[in-house]
Structure formats: C-alpha cells, structure tokens
C-alpha cells in the first residue's frame, strides 16, 4: 500500500508499505538518490523478504523538489556519470543557504560554488540567476536553486543579501 509521511505542513515523503500476515519484523529501504522505491531490484528484494514473513517499507527520503538527479544533466549523461544528486539546504522559509549535500564525481566544483555563495552571504536566488557553463555538471546547481525557490512560499521574499 502506498503511504505518505508528513514532514511539514505542505510536504510528504512517499513510501510503499507491505505487511504480510504474521510479519515477524520490518525492513526499511531508505532511498536518497540514484535509486528509488520504484526500482525493480528493490521491489524484487522487498518481495522476497515479504515471502519470508518480513514487512517492508520502501521510502524516498527526498521530495521531488529537493532531489536534482544527475540523470537529467546533459554533461553527466555525456560523461556516463549519471549517479548522484544535489540537495541545497536552506533556512526554513527563506532562500538563505545553510549548506548542501552533493553526491557526484565532480562534487568539488559544485561545493566551491555553494561555499562562495555562503561566504558572500548570497541566497539561493543568486545561484538560480548565475550564468552556468553548458554542458557542465555544475549546471545542476541552477536547476536545484530554481526548484528550491519554487518550494519557498510566495509570501516569503528572497533575502536582501540575494539581490546583488
């Protein structure tokens, strides 16, 4: 059965819960990126565990707005390096950057851009508006920034530090 787990007043994490009759325990499959609860491999393993009398919960830990998957990045596709993701962490309700989680072969390049923005006290809007080279894996930062800005409610204005 598909379930939603509320993480805020407006966001849910989605998961698939299967509890066989007489289940003796539960196995949690927690997915951040590169794989998901829809993966045929993960569903197969969950099915085997269900047959063995274990409940399973397959859950995606990132919302659609949070996950910017490298599988959609032109440079990553050209290089055959599509495993990875970018998640920019913001102060709640603002575009103030608190940090980032970046899993990619060229993460260092992207971390540098996040570090410069944080040091200069620039918000997410500054990254979204910056010109990024194409094709480059760092272009995913623009996509992540745009997605993050969409997730911020319309009533919250970007920080004054973003407008440069």
Protein backbone atom coordinates (compact mmCIF):
# COMPACT_ATOMS: atom_id res chain seq x y z
CA UNK A 1 0.00 0.00 0.00
CA UNK A 2 1.24 3.49 -0.81
CA UNK A 3 1.66 5.75 2.22
CA UNK A 4 2.51 9.41 2.80
CA UNK A 5 4.56 10.51 5.78
CA UNK A 6 4.14 14.22 6.59
CA UNK A 7 7.43 16.07 7.09
CA UNK A 8 5.95 19.57 7.16
CA UNK A 9 2.57 21.21 6.76
CA UNK A 10 2.95 21.10 2.97
CA UNK A 11 5.31 18.21 2.21
CA UNK A 12 5.14 14.42 2.43
CA UNK A 13 7.59 11.63 1.85
CA UNK A 14 6.11 8.82 -0.22
CA UNK A 15 6.57 5.15 0.53
CA UNK A 16 5.30 1.66 -0.20
CA UNK A 17 4.41 -0.44 2.86
CA UNK A 18 3.79 -4.19 2.61
CA UNK A 19 2.90 -6.15 5.74
CA UNK A 20 2.42 -9.88 5.17
CA UNK A 21 0.11 -11.70 7.56
CA UNK A 22 2.04 -12.73 10.68
CA UNK A 23 5.02 -10.49 9.87
CA UNK A 24 7.93 -11.02 12.29
CA UNK A 25 9.63 -7.66 11.68
CA UNK A 26 10.10 -4.87 9.18
CA UNK A 27 12.91 -3.91 6.80
CA UNK A 28 13.23 -0.25 5.79
CA UNK A 29 14.59 0.66 2.36
CA UNK A 30 15.51 4.36 2.57
CA UNK A 31 16.40 5.96 -0.77
CA UNK A 32 18.12 9.31 -1.21
CA UNK A 33 19.00 9.35 -4.89
CA UNK A 34 20.16 7.15 -7.72
CA UNK A 35 17.62 4.57 -6.67
CA UNK A 36 14.04 4.76 -5.53
CA UNK A 37 11.15 2.80 -4.13
CA UNK A 38 10.14 2.13 -7.74
CA UNK A 39 13.41 0.37 -8.61
CA UNK A 40 12.71 -3.14 -9.96
CA UNK A 41 15.67 -4.52 -7.99
CA UNK A 42 14.45 -3.02 -4.70
CA UNK A 43 10.88 -4.20 -5.32
CA UNK A 44 12.15 -7.71 -6.07
CA UNK A 45 14.20 -7.86 -2.85
CA UNK A 46 11.23 -6.48 -0.87
CA UNK A 47 9.02 -9.20 -2.39
CA UNK A 48 11.45 -11.92 -1.34
CA UNK A 49 11.51 -10.50 2.20
CA UNK A 50 7.68 -10.35 2.23
CA UNK A 51 7.55 -14.01 1.21
CA UNK A 52 9.88 -14.76 4.12
CA UNK A 53 7.47 -13.14 6.59
CA UNK A 54 9.04 -9.69 6.90
CA UNK A 55 7.21 -6.42 6.34
CA UNK A 56 8.91 -3.86 4.10
CA UNK A 57 8.75 -0.09 3.78
CA UNK A 58 10.35 1.37 0.67
CA UNK A 59 10.60 5.13 1.08
CA UNK A 60 12.11 8.02 -0.87
CA UNK A 61 13.82 10.43 1.54
CA UNK A 62 13.91 13.40 -0.82
CA UNK A 63 10.86 15.24 -2.11
CA UNK A 64 10.66 15.87 -5.85
CA UNK A 65 11.63 19.49 -5.25
CA UNK A 66 14.68 18.52 -3.21
CA UNK A 67 16.19 15.96 -5.48
CA UNK A 68 18.02 17.16 -8.55
CA UNK A 69 19.19 13.94 -10.12
CA UNK A 70 22.28 13.90 -12.34
CA UNK A 71 20.44 11.59 -14.73
CA UNK A 72 18.84 14.76 -16.14
CA UNK A 73 22.13 16.66 -16.52
CA UNK A 74 23.49 16.80 -20.09
CA UNK A 75 27.17 16.75 -19.04
CA UNK A 76 26.62 13.82 -16.70
CA UNK A 77 24.88 11.93 -19.49
CA UNK A 78 27.71 12.66 -21.95
CA UNK A 79 30.31 11.52 -19.39
CA UNK A 80 28.33 8.43 -18.35
CA UNK A 81 28.28 9.73 -14.75
CA UNK A 82 24.56 9.94 -14.03
CA UNK A 83 24.65 8.50 -10.50
CA UNK A 84 24.37 11.29 -7.98
CA UNK A 85 22.27 14.18 -6.75
CA UNK A 86 22.30 17.71 -5.37
CA UNK A 87 20.29 18.95 -2.37
CA UNK A 88 20.71 22.55 -1.23
CA UNK A 89 19.80 23.10 2.44
CA UNK A 90 18.00 26.36 3.25
CA UNK A 91 16.96 28.21 6.37
CA UNK A 92 13.24 27.41 6.61
CA UNK A 93 11.04 29.86 4.72
CA UNK A 94 13.98 31.77 3.21
CA UNK A 95 16.49 31.39 0.41
CA UNK A 96 19.44 31.58 2.88
CA UNK A 97 21.82 28.72 2.08
CA UNK A 98 22.90 26.68 5.10
CA UNK A 99 24.83 24.05 3.14
CA UNK A 100 24.43 21.35 0.53
CA UNK A 101 24.60 17.62 0.06
CA UNK A 102 26.25 16.76 -3.24
CA UNK A 103 26.93 13.23 -4.39
CA UNK A 104 28.69 13.33 -7.76
CA UNK A 105 32.07 12.69 -9.32
CA UNK A 106 32.59 16.43 -9.82
CA UNK A 107 31.12 17.43 -6.46
CA UNK A 108 34.15 19.60 -5.64
CA UNK A 109 33.32 22.05 -8.41
CA UNK A 110 29.76 22.38 -7.16
CA UNK A 111 30.77 22.60 -3.49
CA UNK A 112 33.02 25.54 -4.41
CA UNK A 113 30.09 27.47 -5.87
CA UNK A 114 27.96 26.79 -2.78
CA UNK A 115 30.85 27.84 -0.49
CA UNK A 116 31.39 31.10 -2.37
CA UNK A 117 27.66 31.91 -2.23
CA UNK A 118 27.56 31.19 1.50
CA UNK A 119 30.72 33.19 2.22
CA UNK A 120 29.38 36.16 0.22
CA UNK A 121 26.04 35.74 2.06
CA UNK A 122 24.18 35.31 -1.23
CA UNK A 123 20.91 33.44 -1.22
CA UNK A 124 19.53 30.75 -3.46
CA UNK A 125 18.25 33.35 -5.93
CA UNK A 126 21.84 34.35 -6.71
CA UNK A 127 22.68 30.79 -7.76
CA UNK A 128 19.49 30.49 -9.80
CA UNK A 129 20.30 33.73 -11.64
CA UNK A 130 24.02 33.00 -12.20
CA UNK A 131 25.21 32.03 -15.65
CA UNK A 132 26.42 28.41 -15.57
CA UNK A 133 28.57 26.89 -18.32
CA UNK A 134 26.87 24.38 -20.60
CA UNK A 135 27.33 21.49 -20.66
CA UNK A 136 28.73 21.16 -17.13
CA UNK A 137 27.65 19.09 -14.16
CA UNK A 138 27.63 22.29 -12.07
CA UNK A 139 24.66 23.45 -14.16
CA UNK A 140 22.57 21.21 -11.90
CA UNK A 141 23.03 23.85 -9.17
CA UNK A 142 20.88 26.24 -11.21
CA UNK A 143 18.19 23.56 -11.52
CA UNK A 144 18.37 22.83 -7.79
CA UNK A 145 18.19 26.56 -6.96
CA UNK A 146 15.17 27.05 -9.22
CA UNK A 147 13.41 24.07 -7.64
CA UNK A 148 14.23 25.36 -4.16
CA UNK A 149 12.85 28.80 -4.94
CA UNK A 150 9.60 27.23 -6.19
CA UNK A 151 9.31 25.36 -2.90
CA UNK A 152 9.56 28.57 -0.87
CA UNK A 153 6.11 30.04 -0.34
CA UNK A 154 5.15 33.00 -2.50
CA UNK A 155 4.77 35.23 0.58
CA UNK A 156 8.43 34.90 1.56
CA UNK A 157 10.72 37.26 -0.30
CA UNK A 158 14.36 36.38 -1.09
CA UNK A 159 16.81 37.69 1.47
CA UNK A 160 18.19 41.19 0.84
CA UNK A 161 21.60 39.58 0.57
CA UNK A 162 20.42 37.68 -2.55
CA UNK A 163 19.74 40.82 -4.50
CA UNK A 164 23.18 41.98 -5.54
